[in-house]
Each structure stands twice: as C-alpha cells, then as structure tokens.
Amino acid sequence: MLSYDMTIEDIEKLNPDTAVLAFASIEQHGAHLPVSTDYITTEAFARGVAEQLGAFLIPTFPISNCREHMGKKGSVWMKPDTFYNMVIDICHSLKEQGFKKAVIIRGHGGIFVLSPTIRELNATLNSDFMVCCVEYYDYVDAYRKAGIIESDVCLHADELETSVVMHLRGDLVKNDQISDFVPDAPRTYLNYGSIFCASPKGVWGRPSYASAEKGEKVLKMGIELMAAEAKRAFDYMQNKNTIGYSDF
C-alpha cells in the first residue's frame, strides 16, 4: 500500500498526485469506549480511502479540537488557530513537493475550524492544489437505509461509533458499561457547555444497539462512500471555469 511505511524511492516511483490527511481526537467516549476511539476509527477509514484512491497515506493525527469534552481527565486538545495553521502548513508542504490534491478525513465532528480552513486553502491554491473533506458520519442516513444502523440518534459514543470500535478493537470495549442516553438538547448547545452538561456520562445516542458485525459493514460502506465523494469533489473543482480573476 502507498503509505508512510514506504521509502522515498518507492513513493517517487509511484509518483502519487493525491495525499490523504486524517485528523482524529483523543477525547472521552463514555464509560465503555477508550479515549483513542476517534484515532482507531479514523485510521481505518483513512487507510481504506487511500487504497481506493491510490493516494499517499499520511499517519493519522491524533489531536485536534475537542473542548466540548472538558470536565474529565483524558481528553487532549489544541486551540483552533493552532490547528488551522497546522493544516495550512501541511497542505502547502504537499503542494511544494508536487501533490495536486489532498483528501482530509474528518474523524471527529468537533473540528469546527476545519471547514473554513479548507475553504481558505481552495480559495488561495485552486487550481494548482485542491482540498476536499469527507467524514464517515455524513452517511448515517445511508447506513440506516441499508439496514445497518437502527437507532435514530447518532452523535457520540453511539451505535455507529461503538460498532466500528467493536469491529476494529473489540478488546477495548467495556460491554458491561454500555448505557444509552439521548440528551434533551440540540447538538448546537455544545457551543454553550461541555457534553457533560447535556449527558452526565458523555454519551449521545444508543450504543446498546451496537455490534461488531454492524461495524464491519459501516467501515466497508463508509470507505466506498467517502472515496466516491472525494472523486466527485475533485471533478467539480477541476471542471470549474475561471471567473474574472479567480480560479476558485
């Protein structure tokens, strides 16, 4: 596989034009999942997407923005502006060495600064370098329609996330600690207080519905959908016409 485990000679021989950048988070996932949950799941999805696209896989970044999980030890974050500048610098380094595209895997929904970061990169670097973002949580409705996911609420440490970890690292799941909780608050209220204000155990969903079998199906389907969306996004950017002075 084309990845960070290869030598520079091997990478240059294959000469990929696309890189996969995955960003996860070290954060609380209730009493039943490890704080490495986002890292575990994101790495698996990123590896699959890179394989589908024939892209150069960069190691998954384990830390991003997750202040909404403040309150209990174990969550680790950086400031949004630090994350912003880090992504900008990485993408510029990729462009400088000849990459044309970067697929960013958002492995944690709380990286709210990622969307303006991607918009800034494309506004300043198109058409020489293009960046798109995909996230496996974007396809919850598709998983439901496929009969994989049953619960109506999937946000954090829920049926979806727990199933994928059960499939990848079932040894880390504390099944006897699984409990469901659906807060009486919208997701946007995470801007007003930590998740523990809405959910005492830090769970937002119904992890009791989870299974390793569901996780395996979600991983396979999610990789296919994310890779397809990346292709559509790049096709869209490549087929745009210059408007006045701008290629954006």
Protein backbone atom coordinates (compact mmCIF):
# COMPACT_ATOMS: atom_id res chain seq x y z
CA MET A 1 0.00 0.00 0.00
CA LEU A 2 1.13 3.54 -0.79
CA SER A 3 1.78 4.91 2.68
CA TYR A 4 4.18 6.36 5.23
CA ASP A 5 5.71 2.89 5.63
CA MET A 6 7.38 3.17 2.21
CA THR A 7 10.77 4.64 1.31
CA ILE A 8 11.11 7.87 -0.63
CA GLU A 9 12.35 5.90 -3.64
CA ASP A 10 9.23 3.75 -3.64
CA ILE A 11 6.97 6.77 -3.28
CA GLU A 12 8.70 8.69 -6.06
CA LYS A 13 8.48 5.68 -8.37
CA LEU A 14 4.69 5.59 -7.93
CA ASN A 15 4.52 9.42 -8.03
CA PRO A 16 1.05 9.88 -6.45
CA ASP A 17 -0.78 13.15 -7.02
CA THR A 18 -3.13 12.73 -4.04
CA ALA A 19 -2.46 12.58 -0.30
CA VAL A 20 -4.82 11.52 2.47
CA LEU A 21 -4.69 13.55 5.70
CA ALA A 22 -6.75 12.22 8.58
CA PHE A 23 -7.50 14.15 11.77
CA ALA A 24 -8.85 12.43 14.86
CA SER A 25 -9.10 13.34 18.54
CA ILE A 26 -8.12 11.96 21.91
CA GLU A 27 -11.29 12.51 23.91
CA GLN A 28 -13.77 10.89 26.26
CA HIS A 29 -16.22 8.38 24.81
CA GLY A 30 -18.28 7.48 27.82
CA ALA A 31 -17.54 4.64 30.21
CA HIS A 32 -17.47 1.92 27.53
CA LEU A 33 -15.06 3.23 24.86
CA PRO A 34 -11.39 4.30 25.07
CA VAL A 35 -10.27 7.91 24.59
CA SER A 36 -8.46 6.63 21.48
CA THR A 37 -11.79 5.82 19.77
CA ASP A 38 -11.57 8.54 17.11
CA TYR A 39 -7.96 7.64 16.35
CA ILE A 40 -8.80 3.94 15.95
CA THR A 41 -11.76 4.52 13.65
CA THR A 42 -10.22 7.39 11.65
CA GLU A 43 -7.04 5.46 10.86
CA ALA A 44 -9.09 2.55 9.48
CA PHE A 45 -11.28 4.76 7.29
CA ALA A 46 -8.27 6.77 6.07
CA ARG A 47 -6.38 3.63 5.12
CA GLY A 48 -9.37 2.35 3.16
CA VAL A 49 -9.93 5.64 1.33
CA ALA A 50 -6.24 5.88 0.44
CA GLU A 51 -6.36 2.37 -1.02
CA GLN A 52 -9.45 3.20 -3.07
CA LEU A 53 -7.89 6.37 -4.47
CA GLY A 54 -4.32 5.14 -4.88
CA ALA A 55 -3.29 8.02 -2.62
CA PHE A 56 -0.33 8.56 -0.31
CA LEU A 57 -1.47 7.88 3.25
CA ILE A 58 -0.07 10.17 5.93
CA PRO A 59 -0.26 8.99 9.57
CA THR A 60 -3.48 9.96 11.31
CA PHE A 61 -3.12 13.00 13.56
CA PRO A 62 -4.50 12.04 16.99
CA ILE A 63 -5.11 15.51 18.43
CA SER A 64 -7.35 18.34 17.21
CA ASN A 65 -10.09 20.49 18.81
CA CYS A 66 -12.36 18.93 21.45
CA ARG A 67 -13.11 21.46 24.19
CA GLU A 68 -16.72 20.24 24.22
CA HIS A 69 -15.39 17.26 26.19
CA MET A 70 -13.88 19.30 29.01
CA GLY A 71 -14.67 18.14 32.54
CA LYS A 72 -12.99 14.76 32.95
CA LYS A 73 -9.33 13.86 32.54
CA GLY A 74 -8.08 12.21 29.37
CA SER A 75 -9.26 14.49 26.56
CA VAL A 76 -6.48 16.42 24.82
CA TRP A 77 -6.92 19.39 22.50
CA MET A 78 -5.17 22.25 20.76
CA LYS A 79 -6.51 25.74 20.03
CA PRO A 80 -8.49 26.17 16.79
CA ASP A 81 -5.98 28.67 15.40
CA THR A 82 -3.14 26.23 16.09
CA PHE A 83 -5.00 23.51 14.20
CA TYR A 84 -5.80 25.92 11.37
CA ASN A 85 -2.16 26.90 10.88
CA MET A 86 -1.01 23.28 11.13
CA VAL A 87 -3.32 22.17 8.31
CA ILE A 88 -2.36 25.16 6.17
CA ASP A 89 1.35 24.38 6.60
CA ILE A 90 0.92 20.67 5.83
CA CYS A 91 -1.04 21.33 2.66
CA HIS A 92 1.49 23.89 1.48
CA SER A 93 4.26 21.34 2.03
CA LEU A 94 2.35 18.80 -0.06
CA LYS A 95 1.84 21.31 -2.86
CA GLU A 96 5.51 22.30 -2.80
CA GLN A 97 6.63 18.71 -3.48
CA GLY A 98 4.22 18.17 -6.36
CA PHE A 99 0.99 16.82 -4.89
CA LYS A 100 -2.13 18.15 -6.61
CA LYS A 101 -4.86 17.01 -4.22
CA ALA A 102 -5.42 16.36 -0.53
CA VAL A 103 -8.30 14.38 0.90
CA ILE A 104 -8.92 15.35 4.51
CA ILE A 105 -10.65 12.75 6.64
CA ARG A 106 -12.56 14.42 9.45
CA GLY A 107 -12.52 11.80 12.18
CA HIS A 108 -14.05 13.98 14.89
CA GLY A 109 -17.14 16.11 14.36
CA GLY A 110 -15.98 18.82 16.74
CA ILE A 111 -13.22 20.14 14.47
CA PHE A 112 -15.37 23.12 13.54
CA VAL A 113 -12.40 25.13 12.25
CA LEU A 114 -11.75 22.55 9.52
CA SER A 115 -14.41 23.85 7.10
CA PRO A 116 -13.07 27.44 6.94
CA THR A 117 -9.54 26.04 6.71
CA ILE A 118 -10.43 24.02 3.62
CA ARG A 119 -12.26 26.96 2.08
CA GLU A 120 -9.21 29.17 2.59
CA LEU A 121 -6.88 26.59 1.04
CA ASN A 122 -9.04 26.18 -2.04
CA ALA A 123 -9.63 29.92 -2.37
CA THR A 124 -5.90 30.59 -2.42
CA LEU A 125 -4.45 27.47 -4.09
CA ASN A 126 -7.01 26.36 -6.71
CA SER A 127 -6.43 25.24 -9.34
CA ASP A 128 -2.84 24.18 -8.62
CA PHE A 129 -3.84 22.33 -5.46
CA MET A 130 -7.26 21.10 -4.36
CA VAL A 131 -8.54 20.02 -0.95
CA CYS A 132 -11.72 18.15 -0.08
CA CYS A 133 -13.10 16.80 3.18
CA VAL A 134 -15.02 13.59 3.89
CA GLU A 135 -16.41 12.12 7.10
CA TYR A 136 -17.98 8.74 7.73
CA TYR A 137 -20.65 10.27 9.97
CA ASP A 138 -22.01 12.13 6.93
CA TYR A 139 -23.64 8.89 5.77
CA VAL A 140 -25.70 7.93 8.81
CA ASP A 141 -28.89 8.04 6.73
CA ALA A 142 -27.31 5.76 4.14
CA TYR A 143 -26.32 3.24 6.83
CA ARG A 144 -29.90 3.32 8.10
CA LYS A 145 -31.38 2.83 4.64
CA ALA A 146 -29.02 -0.11 4.14
CA GLY A 147 -30.42 -1.67 7.30
CA ILE A 148 -27.11 -1.47 9.18
CA ILE A 149 -27.82 1.21 11.77
CA GLU A 150 -31.07 1.07 13.76
CA SER A 151 -31.06 3.97 16.21
CA ASP A 152 -32.44 7.37 15.28
CA VAL A 153 -29.75 9.35 17.13
CA CYS A 154 -26.06 9.02 16.30
CA LEU A 155 -23.70 11.67 17.60
CA HIS A 156 -21.09 10.43 20.08
CA ALA A 157 -20.14 7.07 21.63
CA ASP A 158 -23.34 5.84 19.98
CA GLU A 159 -24.42 2.79 18.00
CA LEU A 160 -22.38 3.81 14.96
CA GLU A 161 -19.09 4.63 16.68
CA THR A 162 -19.32 1.78 19.16
CA SER A 163 -19.97 -0.72 16.37
CA VAL A 164 -16.87 0.32 14.45
CA VAL A 165 -14.67 0.06 17.55
CA MET A 166 -16.20 -3.33 18.36
CA HIS A 167 -15.14 -4.49 14.90
CA LEU A 168 -11.64 -3.00 14.99
CA ARG A 169 -10.69 -3.28 18.68
CA GLY A 170 -13.37 -5.21 20.48
CA ASP A 171 -10.90 -5.93 23.27
CA LEU A 172 -11.08 -2.26 24.30
CA VAL A 173 -14.87 -2.07 24.59
CA LYS A 174 -16.33 -2.43 28.09
CA ASN A 175 -19.63 -4.05 27.21
CA ASP A 176 -20.84 -4.08 30.81
CA GLN A 177 -20.52 -0.27 30.94
CA ILE A 178 -22.65 0.45 27.84
CA SER A 179 -25.64 2.68 28.54
CA ASP A 180 -27.85 4.75 26.24
CA PHE A 181 -28.51 8.44 26.62
CA VAL A 182 -30.19 10.94 24.30
CA PRO A 183 -29.89 14.48 25.68
CA ASP A 184 -32.84 16.84 25.66
CA ALA A 185 -30.78 19.42 23.78
CA PRO A 186 -29.69 20.07 20.18
CA ARG A 187 -26.11 19.48 19.08
CA THR A 188 -25.58 23.23 18.72
CA TYR A 189 -25.76 23.53 22.52
CA LEU A 190 -22.24 22.11 22.62
CA ASN A 191 -21.30 25.72 21.85
CA TYR A 192 -22.74 26.69 25.25
CA GLY A 193 -21.35 23.98 27.50
CA SER A 194 -19.49 20.69 27.55
CA ILE A 195 -21.16 17.44 26.57
CA PHE A 196 -21.36 16.55 30.27
CA CYS A 197 -23.87 19.37 30.76
CA ALA A 198 -26.21 17.53 28.37
CA SER A 199 -25.17 13.94 29.11
CA PRO A 200 -23.69 13.01 32.52
CA LYS A 201 -21.81 10.03 31.06
CA GLY A 202 -20.69 11.74 27.86
CA VAL A 203 -22.80 9.53 25.58
CA TRP A 204 -25.10 10.92 22.88
CA GLY A 205 -27.02 8.04 21.31
CA ARG A 206 -27.86 4.37 21.77
CA PRO A 207 -24.67 2.27 21.93
CA SER A 208 -26.67 -0.72 23.23
CA TYR A 209 -27.69 -1.32 19.59
CA ALA A 210 -24.04 -1.73 18.52
CA SER A 211 -22.33 -4.88 17.23
CA ALA A 212 -19.04 -5.81 15.59
CA GLU A 213 -20.95 -7.06 12.54
CA LYS A 214 -22.53 -3.64 12.06
CA GLY A 215 -19.14 -2.03 12.48
CA GLU A 216 -17.61 -4.12 9.73
CA LYS A 217 -20.42 -3.17 7.35
CA VAL A 218 -20.19 0.52 8.25
CA LEU A 219 -16.43 0.52 7.65
CA LYS A 220 -16.78 -1.04 4.21
CA MET A 221 -19.69 1.14 3.12
CA GLY A 222 -18.22 4.30 4.61
CA ILE A 223 -14.91 3.86 2.78
CA GLU A 224 -16.70 3.41 -0.54
CA LEU A 225 -18.95 6.45 0.00
CA MET A 226 -16.09 8.67 1.17
CA ALA A 227 -13.86 7.74 -1.77
CA ALA A 228 -16.71 8.36 -4.20
CA GLU A 229 -17.43 11.76 -2.66
CA ALA A 230 -13.75 12.75 -2.88
CA LYS A 231 -13.77 11.93 -6.59
CA ARG A 232 -16.94 13.99 -7.11
CA ALA A 233 -15.48 16.96 -5.24
CA PHE A 234 -12.27 16.93 -7.26
CA ASP A 235 -14.19 16.55 -10.53
CA TYR A 236 -16.24 19.59 -9.55
CA MET A 237 -13.14 21.65 -8.81
CA GLN A 238 -11.34 20.52 -11.96
CA ASN A 239 -14.27 21.32 -14.21
CA LYS A 240 -14.87 24.85 -12.96
CA ASN A 241 -14.26 27.75 -15.31
CA THR A 242 -12.13 30.76 -14.44
CA ILE A 243 -14.39 33.64 -13.41
CA GLY A 244 -12.79 37.01 -13.93
CA TYR A 245 -9.53 37.00 -12.00
CA SER A 246 -10.32 33.88 -9.94
CA ASP A 247 -9.94 30.11 -10.37
CA PHE A 248 -11.86 29.45 -7.14
